[in-house]
């Protein structure tokens, strides 16, 4: 990847009900969805859908995001962590 041209940053607006706000802030600080997709080896659309909780990353991509953004998975994907907790709590109590 060559030098990136400077981009003009717009104020970042995150709705209060956004499921992955840390992911969005981290991605915004690194660069565009296209740039992150290029670095990650995924499409811009894939980054957008992951950021907006329309798609869940596969395990390898989730770890790559964690490394790229230097954040734990729990911070980047709190909705997935909550789903995992609810699933395990339900199954532990039923046994």
PDB file of N, CA and C in Angstrom:
ATOM      1  N   UNK A   1       0.833  -1.159   0.000  1.00  0.00           N
ATOM      2  CA  UNK A   1       0.000   0.000   0.000  1.00  0.00           C
ATOM      3  C   UNK A   1       0.889   1.236   0.000  1.00  0.00           C
ATOM      4  N   UNK A   2       0.588   2.147  -0.857  1.00  0.00           N
ATOM      5  CA  UNK A   2       1.352   3.379  -0.945  1.00  0.00           C
ATOM      6  C   UNK A   2       0.898   4.388   0.086  1.00  0.00           C
ATOM      7  N   UNK A   3       1.413   5.586  -0.073  1.00  0.00           N
ATOM      8  CA  UNK A   3       1.028   6.663   0.832  1.00  0.00           C
ATOM      9  C   UNK A   3      -0.442   7.004   0.618  1.00  0.00           C
ATOM     10  N   UNK A   4      -1.134   7.177   1.716  1.00  0.00           N
ATOM     11  CA  UNK A   4      -2.526   7.602   1.619  1.00  0.00           C
ATOM     12  C   UNK A   4      -2.562   9.110   1.521  1.00  0.00           C
ATOM     13  N   UNK A   5      -3.490   9.601   0.702  1.00  0.00           N
ATOM     14  CA  UNK A   5      -3.636  11.046   0.648  1.00  0.00           C
ATOM     15  C   UNK A   5      -4.427  11.499   1.865  1.00  0.00           C
ATOM     16  N   UNK A   6      -4.128  12.691   2.331  1.00  0.00           N
ATOM     17  CA  UNK A   6      -4.830  13.243   3.483  1.00  0.00           C
ATOM     18  C   UNK A   6      -6.301  13.379   3.164  1.00  0.00           C
ATOM     19  N   UNK A   7      -7.130  13.049   4.115  1.00  0.00           N
ATOM     20  CA  UNK A   7      -8.556  13.196   3.905  1.00  0.00           C
ATOM     21  C   UNK A   7      -9.105  14.194   4.910  1.00  0.00           C
ATOM     22  N   UNK A   8     -10.116  14.876   4.485  1.00  0.00           N
ATOM     23  CA  UNK A   8     -10.753  15.842   5.360  1.00  0.00           C
ATOM     24  C   UNK A   8     -11.761  15.097   6.224  1.00  0.00           C
ATOM     25  N   UNK A   9     -11.594  15.177   7.537  1.00  0.00           N
ATOM     26  CA  UNK A   9     -12.468  14.452   8.444  1.00  0.00           C
ATOM     27  C   UNK A   9     -13.719  15.255   8.748  1.00  0.00           C
ATOM     28  N   UNK A  10     -14.848  14.591   8.584  1.00  0.00           N
ATOM     29  CA  UNK A  10     -16.119  15.169   8.996  1.00  0.00           C
ATOM     30  C   UNK A  10     -16.364  14.763  10.446  1.00  0.00           C
ATOM     31  N   UNK A  11     -17.161  15.523  11.161  1.00  0.00           N
ATOM     32  CA  UNK A  11     -17.492  15.094  12.526  1.00  0.00           C
ATOM     33  C   UNK A  11     -18.177  13.731  12.497  1.00  0.00           C
ATOM     34  N   UNK A  12     -17.771  12.872  13.407  1.00  0.00           N
ATOM     35  CA  UNK A  12     -18.337  11.526  13.474  1.00  0.00           C
ATOM     36  C   UNK A  12     -19.601  11.551  14.326  1.00  0.00           C
ATOM     37  N   UNK A  13     -20.697  11.105  13.750  1.00  0.00           N
ATOM     38  CA  UNK A  13     -21.967  11.040  14.473  1.00  0.00           C
ATOM     39  C   UNK A  13     -22.349   9.582  14.652  1.00  0.00           C
ATOM     40  N   UNK A  14     -22.520   9.187  15.901  1.00  0.00           N
ATOM     41  CA  UNK A  14     -22.900   7.809  16.201  1.00  0.00           C
ATOM     42  C   UNK A  14     -24.241   7.840  16.932  1.00  0.00           C
ATOM     43  N   UNK A  15     -25.263   7.207  16.368  1.00  0.00           N
ATOM     44  CA  UNK A  15     -26.559   7.178  17.048  1.00  0.00           C
ATOM     45  C   UNK A  15     -26.443   6.459  18.395  1.00  0.00           C
ATOM     46  N   UNK A  16     -27.223   6.837  19.373  1.00  0.00           N
ATOM     47  CA  UNK A  16     -27.106   6.222  20.703  1.00  0.00           C
ATOM     48  C   UNK A  16     -27.415   4.721  20.717  1.00  0.00           C
ATOM     49  N   UNK A  17     -28.157   4.233  19.745  1.00  0.00           N
ATOM     50  CA  UNK A  17     -28.505   2.804  19.714  1.00  0.00           C
ATOM     51  C   UNK A  17     -27.574   1.988  18.813  1.00  0.00           C
ATOM     52  N   UNK A  18     -26.463   2.562  18.383  1.00  0.00           N
ATOM     53  CA  UNK A  18     -25.525   1.846  17.512  1.00  0.00           C
ATOM     54  C   UNK A  18     -24.946   0.655  18.274  1.00  0.00           C
ATOM     55  N   UNK A  19     -24.949  -0.532  17.646  1.00  0.00           N
ATOM     56  CA  UNK A  19     -24.526  -1.759  18.331  1.00  0.00           C
ATOM     57  C   UNK A  19     -23.009  -1.893  18.452  1.00  0.00           C
ATOM     58  N   UNK A  20     -22.260  -1.235  17.573  1.00  0.00           N
ATOM     59  CA  UNK A  20     -20.800  -1.374  17.579  1.00  0.00           C
ATOM     60  C   UNK A  20     -20.115  -0.011  17.513  1.00  0.00           C
ATOM     61  N   UNK A  21     -20.338   0.830  18.529  1.00  0.00           N
ATOM     62  CA  UNK A  21     -19.778   2.182  18.474  1.00  0.00           C
ATOM     63  C   UNK A  21     -18.254   2.214  18.519  1.00  0.00           C
ATOM     64  N   UNK A  22     -17.635   1.326  19.281  1.00  0.00           N
ATOM     65  CA  UNK A  22     -16.166   1.321  19.365  1.00  0.00           C
ATOM     66  C   UNK A  22     -15.571   0.937  18.018  1.00  0.00           C
ATOM     67  N   UNK A  23     -16.185  -0.035  17.352  1.00  0.00           N
ATOM     68  CA  UNK A  23     -15.732  -0.437  16.021  1.00  0.00           C
ATOM     69  C   UNK A  23     -15.769   0.768  15.083  1.00  0.00           C
ATOM     70  N   UNK A  24     -16.880   1.499  15.110  1.00  0.00           N
ATOM     71  CA  UNK A  24     -17.054   2.638  14.210  1.00  0.00           C
ATOM     72  C   UNK A  24     -15.998   3.716  14.477  1.00  0.00           C
ATOM     73  N   UNK A  25     -15.759   4.033  15.749  1.00  0.00           N
ATOM     74  CA  UNK A  25     -14.763   5.051  16.110  1.00  0.00           C
ATOM     75  C   UNK A  25     -13.368   4.594  15.681  1.00  0.00           C
ATOM     76  N   UNK A  26     -13.041   3.329  15.933  1.00  0.00           N
ATOM     77  CA  UNK A  26     -11.726   2.803  15.549  1.00  0.00           C
ATOM     78  C   UNK A  26     -11.543   2.825  14.034  1.00  0.00           C
ATOM     79  N   UNK A  27     -12.553   2.374  13.320  1.00  0.00           N
ATOM     80  CA  UNK A  27     -12.456   2.368  11.856  1.00  0.00           C
ATOM     81  C   UNK A  27     -12.286   3.784  11.336  1.00  0.00           C
ATOM     82  N   UNK A  28     -13.037   4.710  11.885  1.00  0.00           N
ATOM     83  CA  UNK A  28     -12.974   6.116  11.455  1.00  0.00           C
ATOM     84  C   UNK A  28     -11.584   6.692  11.707  1.00  0.00           C
ATOM     85  N   UNK A  29     -10.974   6.322  12.836  1.00  0.00           N
ATOM     86  CA  UNK A  29      -9.648   6.858  13.158  1.00  0.00           C
ATOM     87  C   UNK A  29      -8.556   6.269  12.267  1.00  0.00           C
ATOM     88  N   UNK A  30      -8.776   5.049  11.764  1.00  0.00           N
ATOM     89  CA  UNK A  30      -7.790   4.402  10.886  1.00  0.00           C
ATOM     90  C   UNK A  30      -7.917   4.900   9.451  1.00  0.00           C
ATOM     91  N   UNK A  31      -9.139   5.084   8.996  1.00  0.00           N
ATOM     92  CA  UNK A  31      -9.340   5.531   7.621  1.00  0.00           C
ATOM     93  C   UNK A  31     -10.715   5.161   7.107  1.00  0.00           C
ATOM     94  N   UNK A  32     -10.854   5.248   5.804  1.00  0.00           N
ATOM     95  CA  UNK A  32     -12.147   4.972   5.168  1.00  0.00           C
ATOM     96  C   UNK A  32     -12.467   3.480   5.222  1.00  0.00           C
ATOM     97  N   UNK A  33     -13.711   3.161   4.960  1.00  0.00           N
ATOM     98  CA  UNK A  33     -14.115   1.756   4.887  1.00  0.00           C
ATOM     99  C   UNK A  33     -13.361   1.054   3.763  1.00  0.00           C
ATOM    100  N   UNK A  34     -13.126   1.745   2.686  1.00  0.00           N
ATOM    101  CA  UNK A  34     -12.362   1.172   1.571  1.00  0.00           C
ATOM    102  C   UNK A  34     -10.929   0.855   2.001  1.00  0.00           C
ATOM    103  N   UNK A  35     -10.290   1.801   2.701  1.00  0.00           N
ATOM    104  CA  UNK A  35      -8.918   1.596   3.153  1.00  0.00           C
ATOM    105  C   UNK A  35      -8.840   0.402   4.114  1.00  0.00           C
ATOM    106  N   UNK A  36      -9.746   0.350   5.092  1.00  0.00           N
ATOM    107  CA  UNK A  36      -9.746  -0.754   6.051  1.00  0.00           C
ATOM    108  C   UNK A  36      -9.994  -2.075   5.327  1.00  0.00           C
ATOM    109  N   UNK A  37     -10.898  -2.069   4.367  1.00  0.00           N
ATOM    110  CA  UNK A  37     -11.138  -3.272   3.577  1.00  0.00           C
ATOM    111  C   UNK A  37      -9.893  -3.735   2.836  1.00  0.00           C
ATOM    112  N   UNK A  38      -9.172  -2.788   2.242  1.00  0.00           N
ATOM    113  CA  UNK A  38      -7.928  -3.129   1.537  1.00  0.00           C
ATOM    114  C   UNK A  38      -6.905  -3.735   2.489  1.00  0.00           C
ATOM    115  N   UNK A  39      -6.746  -3.142   3.663  1.00  0.00           N
ATOM    116  CA  UNK A  39      -5.780  -3.636   4.652  1.00  0.00           C
ATOM    117  C   UNK A  39      -6.192  -5.015   5.157  1.00  0.00           C
ATOM    118  N   UNK A  40      -7.490  -5.196   5.353  1.00  0.00           N
ATOM    119  CA  UNK A  40      -8.008  -6.447   5.905  1.00  0.00           C
ATOM    120  C   UNK A  40      -8.135  -7.558   4.866  1.00  0.00           C
ATOM    121  N   UNK A  41      -8.152  -7.194   3.599  1.00  0.00           N
ATOM    122  CA  UNK A  41      -8.356  -8.198   2.558  1.00  0.00           C
ATOM    123  C   UNK A  41      -9.814  -8.557   2.373  1.00  0.00           C
ATOM    124  N   UNK A  42     -10.701  -7.598   2.693  1.00  0.00           N
ATOM    125  CA  UNK A  42     -12.134  -7.787   2.503  1.00  0.00           C
ATOM    126  C   UNK A  42     -12.660  -6.603   1.695  1.00  0.00           C
ATOM    127  N   UNK A  43     -13.907  -6.672   1.303  1.00  0.00           N
ATOM    128  CA  UNK A  43     -14.468  -5.587   0.505  1.00  0.00           C
ATOM    129  C   UNK A  43     -14.884  -4.425   1.404  1.00  0.00           C
ATOM    130  N   UNK A  44     -14.991  -3.265   0.792  1.00  0.00           N
ATOM    131  CA  UNK A  44     -15.493  -2.076   1.487  1.00  0.00           C
ATOM    132  C   UNK A  44     -16.890  -2.356   2.029  1.00  0.00           C
ATOM    133  N   UNK A  45     -17.698  -3.037   1.239  1.00  0.00           N
ATOM    134  CA  UNK A  45     -19.054  -3.377   1.647  1.00  0.00           C
ATOM    135  C   UNK A  45     -19.053  -4.282   2.880  1.00  0.00           C
ATOM    136  N   UNK A  46     -18.116  -5.188   2.945  1.00  0.00           N
ATOM    137  CA  UNK A  46     -18.001  -6.084   4.090  1.00  0.00           C
ATOM    138  C   UNK A  46     -17.692  -5.287   5.363  1.00  0.00           C
ATOM    139  N   UNK A  47     -16.795  -4.323   5.254  1.00  0.00           N
ATOM    140  CA  UNK A  47     -16.464  -3.468   6.403  1.00  0.00           C
ATOM    141  C   UNK A  47     -17.708  -2.681   6.814  1.00  0.00           C
ATOM    142  N   UNK A  48     -18.399  -2.112   5.857  1.00  0.00           N
ATOM    143  CA  UNK A  48     -19.598  -1.317   6.145  1.00  0.00           C
ATOM    144  C   UNK A  48     -20.657  -2.164   6.854  1.00  0.00           C
ATOM    145  N   UNK A  49     -20.907  -3.363   6.330  1.00  0.00           N
ATOM    146  CA  UNK A  49     -21.936  -4.222   6.929  1.00  0.00           C
ATOM    147  C   UNK A  49     -21.530  -4.697   8.323  1.00  0.00           C
ATOM    148  N   UNK A  50     -20.255  -4.960   8.522  1.00  0.00           N
ATOM    149  CA  UNK A  50     -19.769  -5.355   9.845  1.00  0.00           C
ATOM    150  C   UNK A  50     -19.914  -4.187  10.817  1.00  0.00           C
ATOM    151  N   UNK A  51     -19.520  -3.012  10.380  1.00  0.00           N
ATOM    152  CA  UNK A  51     -19.596  -1.812  11.212  1.00  0.00           C
ATOM    153  C   UNK A  51     -21.039  -1.520  11.636  1.00  0.00           C
ATOM    154  N   UNK A  52     -21.987  -1.752  10.748  1.00  0.00           N
ATOM    155  CA  UNK A  52     -23.390  -1.448  11.022  1.00  0.00           C
ATOM    156  C   UNK A  52     -24.173  -2.633  11.561  1.00  0.00           C
ATOM    157  N   UNK A  53     -23.484  -3.690  11.960  1.00  0.00           N
ATOM    158  CA  UNK A  53     -24.087  -4.892  12.551  1.00  0.00           C
ATOM    159  C   UNK A  53     -25.028  -5.627  11.611  1.00  0.00           C
ATOM    160  N   UNK A  54     -24.879  -5.424  10.318  1.00  0.00           N
ATOM    161  CA  UNK A  54     -25.691  -6.163   9.338  1.00  0.00           C
ATOM    162  C   UNK A  54     -25.054  -7.514   9.044  1.00  0.00           C
ATOM    163  N   UNK A  55     -23.792  -7.659   9.421  1.00  0.00           N
ATOM    164  CA  UNK A  55     -23.044  -8.873   9.141  1.00  0.00           C
ATOM    165  C   UNK A  55     -22.068  -9.095  10.289  1.00  0.00           C
ATOM    166  N   UNK A  56     -21.841 -10.339  10.637  1.00  0.00           N
ATOM    167  CA  UNK A  56     -20.841 -10.675  11.635  1.00  0.00           C
ATOM    168  C   UNK A  56     -19.598 -11.190  10.921  1.00  0.00           C
ATOM    169  N   UNK A  57     -18.430 -10.760  11.373  1.00  0.00           N
ATOM    170  CA  UNK A  57     -17.202 -11.231  10.720  1.00  0.00           C
ATOM    171  C   UNK A  57     -16.931 -12.694  11.080  1.00  0.00           C
ATOM    172  N   UNK A  58     -16.198 -13.372  10.204  1.00  0.00           N
ATOM    173  CA  UNK A  58     -15.766 -14.714  10.580  1.00  0.00           C
ATOM    174  C   UNK A  58     -14.703 -14.557  11.670  1.00  0.00           C
ATOM    175  N   UNK A  59     -14.335 -15.648  12.303  1.00  0.00           N
ATOM    176  CA  UNK A  59     -13.437 -15.581  13.455  1.00  0.00           C
ATOM    177  C   UNK A  59     -12.087 -14.954  13.108  1.00  0.00           C
ATOM    178  N   UNK A  60     -11.515 -15.344  11.975  1.00  0.00           N
ATOM    179  CA  UNK A  60     -10.223 -14.793  11.575  1.00  0.00           C
ATOM    180  C   UNK A  60     -10.321 -13.286  11.348  1.00  0.00           C
ATOM    181  N   UNK A  61     -11.358 -12.840  10.644  1.00  0.00           N
ATOM    182  CA  UNK A  61     -11.517 -11.403  10.399  1.00  0.00           C
ATOM    183  C   UNK A  61     -11.754 -10.638  11.701  1.00  0.00           C
ATOM    184  N   UNK A  62     -12.493 -11.230  12.634  1.00  0.00           N
ATOM    185  CA  UNK A  62     -12.718 -10.576  13.927  1.00  0.00           C
ATOM    186  C   UNK A  62     -11.387 -10.346  14.633  1.00  0.00           C
ATOM    187  N   UNK A  63     -10.509 -11.346  14.615  1.00  0.00           N
ATOM    188  CA  UNK A  63      -9.192 -11.185  15.226  1.00  0.00           C
ATOM    189  C   UNK A  63      -8.340 -10.168  14.461  1.00  0.00           C
ATOM    190  N   UNK A  64      -8.455 -10.153  13.143  1.00  0.00           N
ATOM    191  CA  UNK A  64      -7.697  -9.161  12.361  1.00  0.00           C
ATOM    192  C   UNK A  64      -8.149  -7.748  12.700  1.00  0.00           C
ATOM    193  N   UNK A  65      -9.461  -7.544  12.862  1.00  0.00           N
ATOM    194  CA  UNK A  65      -9.959  -6.220  13.286  1.00  0.00           C
ATOM    195  C   UNK A  65      -9.383  -5.871  14.656  1.00  0.00           C
ATOM    196  N   UNK A  66      -9.365  -6.829  15.570  1.00  0.00           N
ATOM    197  CA  UNK A  66      -8.846  -6.582  16.917  1.00  0.00           C
ATOM    198  C   UNK A  66      -7.379  -6.166  16.871  1.00  0.00           C
ATOM    199  N   UNK A  67      -6.602  -6.811  16.006  1.00  0.00           N
ATOM    200  CA  UNK A  67      -5.188  -6.457  15.867  1.00  0.00           C
ATOM    201  C   UNK A  67      -5.043  -5.089  15.207  1.00  0.00           C
ATOM    202  N   UNK A  68      -5.777  -4.861  14.128  1.00  0.00           N
ATOM    203  CA  UNK A  68      -5.702  -3.590  13.407  1.00  0.00           C
ATOM    204  C   UNK A  68      -6.062  -2.413  14.305  1.00  0.00           C
ATOM    205  N   UNK A  69      -7.139  -2.565  15.083  1.00  0.00           N
ATOM    206  CA  UNK A  69      -7.609  -1.469  15.931  1.00  0.00           C
ATOM    207  C   UNK A  69      -6.998  -1.492  17.329  1.00  0.00           C
ATOM    208  N   UNK A  70      -6.228  -2.540  17.636  1.00  0.00           N
ATOM    209  CA  UNK A  70      -5.597  -2.710  18.944  1.00  0.00           C
ATOM    210  C   UNK A  70      -6.633  -2.623  20.071  1.00  0.00           C
ATOM    211  N   UNK A  71      -7.707  -3.366  19.904  1.00  0.00           N
ATOM    212  CA  UNK A  71      -8.807  -3.412  20.874  1.00  0.00           C
ATOM    213  C   UNK A  71      -9.250  -4.849  21.062  1.00  0.00           C
ATOM    214  N   UNK A  72      -9.742  -5.206  22.247  1.00  0.00           N
ATOM    215  CA  UNK A  72     -10.256  -6.571  22.447  1.00  0.00           C
ATOM    216  C   UNK A  72     -11.570  -6.788  21.702  1.00  0.00           C
ATOM    217  N   UNK A  73     -11.830  -8.035  21.373  1.00  0.00           N
ATOM    218  CA  UNK A  73     -13.052  -8.386  20.647  1.00  0.00           C
ATOM    219  C   UNK A  73     -14.307  -7.918  21.382  1.00  0.00           C
ATOM    220  N   UNK A  74     -14.286  -7.992  22.709  1.00  0.00           N
ATOM    221  CA  UNK A  74     -15.453  -7.606  23.499  1.00  0.00           C
ATOM    222  C   UNK A  74     -15.831  -6.146  23.284  1.00  0.00           C
ATOM    223  N   UNK A  75     -14.841  -5.288  23.068  1.00  0.00           N
ATOM    224  CA  UNK A  75     -15.101  -3.870  22.819  1.00  0.00           C
ATOM    225  C   UNK A  75     -15.598  -3.636  21.393  1.00  0.00           C
ATOM    226  N   UNK A  76     -15.025  -4.355  20.443  1.00  0.00           N
ATOM    227  CA  UNK A  76     -15.398  -4.154  19.045  1.00  0.00           C
ATOM    228  C   UNK A  76     -16.760  -4.742  18.720  1.00  0.00           C
ATOM    229  N   UNK A  77     -17.085  -5.872  19.350  1.00  0.00           N
ATOM    230  CA  UNK A  77     -18.326  -6.580  19.029  1.00  0.00           C
ATOM    231  C   UNK A  77     -19.116  -6.881  20.299  1.00  0.00           C
ATOM    232  N   UNK A  78     -19.577  -5.852  21.014  1.00  0.00           N
ATOM    233  CA  UNK A  78     -20.308  -6.109  22.261  1.00  0.00           C
ATOM    234  C   UNK A  78     -21.624  -6.840  22.033  1.00  0.00           C
ATOM    235  N   UNK A  79     -22.229  -6.657  20.873  1.00  0.00           N
ATOM    236  CA  UNK A  79     -23.490  -7.343  20.569  1.00  0.00           C
ATOM    237  C   UNK A  79     -23.276  -8.852  20.471  1.00  0.00           C
ATOM    238  N   UNK A  80     -22.162  -9.265  19.893  1.00  0.00           N
ATOM    239  CA  UNK A  80     -21.871 -10.702  19.789  1.00  0.00           C
ATOM    240  C   UNK A  80     -21.553 -11.290  21.157  1.00  0.00           C
ATOM    241  N   UNK A  81     -20.843 -10.520  21.987  1.00  0.00           N
ATOM    242  CA  UNK A  81     -20.539 -10.986  23.340  1.00  0.00           C
ATOM    243  C   UNK A  81     -21.829 -11.150  24.141  1.00  0.00           C
ATOM    244  N   UNK A  82     -22.747 -10.212  23.974  1.00  0.00           N
ATOM    245  CA  UNK A  82     -24.027 -10.305  24.674  1.00  0.00           C
ATOM    246  C   UNK A  82     -24.820 -11.526  24.204  1.00  0.00           C
ATOM    247  N   UNK A  83     -24.829 -11.780  22.905  1.00  0.00           N
ATOM    248  CA  UNK A  83     -25.512 -12.971  22.381  1.00  0.00           C
ATOM    249  C   UNK A  83     -24.908 -14.247  22.963  1.00  0.00           C
ATOM    250  N   UNK A  84     -23.588 -14.294  23.043  1.00  0.00           N
ATOM    251  CA  UNK A  84     -22.906 -15.474  23.579  1.00  0.00           C
ATOM    252  C   UNK A  84     -23.261 -15.672  25.050  1.00  0.00           C
ATOM    253  N   UNK A  85     -23.263 -14.578  25.822  1.00  0.00           N
ATOM    254  CA  UNK A  85     -23.617 -14.676  27.252  1.00  0.00           C
ATOM    255  C   UNK A  85     -25.050 -15.175  27.431  1.00  0.00           C
ATOM    256  N   UNK A  86     -25.974 -14.588  26.670  1.00  0.00           N
ATOM    257  CA  UNK A  86     -27.378 -14.994  26.787  1.00  0.00           C
ATOM    258  C   UNK A  86     -27.559 -16.468  26.425  1.00  0.00           C
ATOM    259  N   UNK A  87     -26.894 -16.901  25.366  1.00  0.00           N
ATOM    260  CA  UNK A  87     -26.981 -18.293  24.938  1.00  0.00           C
ATOM    261  C   UNK A  87     -26.456 -19.220  26.029  1.00  0.00           C
ATOM    262  N   UNK A  88     -25.278 -18.882  26.569  1.00  0.00           N
ATOM    263  CA  UNK A  88     -24.669 -19.748  27.587  1.00  0.00           C
ATOM    264  C   UNK A  88     -25.477 -19.739  28.878  1.00  0.00           C
ATOM    265  N   UNK A  89     -25.973 -18.580  29.291  1.00  0.00           N
ATOM    266  CA  UNK A  89     -26.793 -18.518  30.507  1.00  0.00           C
ATOM    267  C   UNK A  89     -28.038 -19.369  30.374  1.00  0.00           C
ATOM    268  N   UNK A  90     -28.660 -19.300  29.221  1.00  0.00           N
ATOM    269  CA  UNK A  90     -29.882 -20.083  28.978  1.00  0.00           C
ATOM    270  C   UNK A  90     -29.571 -21.588  29.028  1.00  0.00           C
ATOM    271  N   UNK A  91     -28.482 -21.995  28.392  1.00  0.00           N
ATOM    272  CA  UNK A  91     -28.149 -23.415  28.338  1.00  0.00           C
ATOM    273  C   UNK A  91     -27.594 -23.942  29.659  1.00  0.00           C
ATOM    274  N   UNK A  92     -26.908 -23.116  30.403  1.00  0.00           N
ATOM    275  CA  UNK A  92     -26.381 -23.555  31.701  1.00  0.00           C
ATOM    276  C   UNK A  92     -27.537 -23.752  32.673  1.00  0.00           C
ATOM    277  N   UNK A  93     -28.520 -22.845  32.667  1.00  0.00           N
ATOM    278  CA  UNK A  93     -29.643 -22.934  33.587  1.00  0.00           C
ATOM    279  C   UNK A  93     -30.576 -24.101  33.265  1.00  0.00           C
ATOM    280  N   UNK A  94     -30.642 -24.480  31.972  1.00  0.00           N
ATOM    281  CA  UNK A  94     -31.562 -25.564  31.587  1.00  0.00           C
ATOM    282  C   UNK A  94     -30.979 -26.953  31.854  1.00  0.00           C
ATOM    283  N   UNK A  95     -29.711 -27.034  32.198  1.00  0.00           N
ATOM    284  CA  UNK A  95     -29.086 -28.359  32.460  1.00  0.00           C
ATOM    285  C   UNK A  95     -29.075 -28.697  33.910  1.00  0.00           C
TER     286      UNK A  95
END
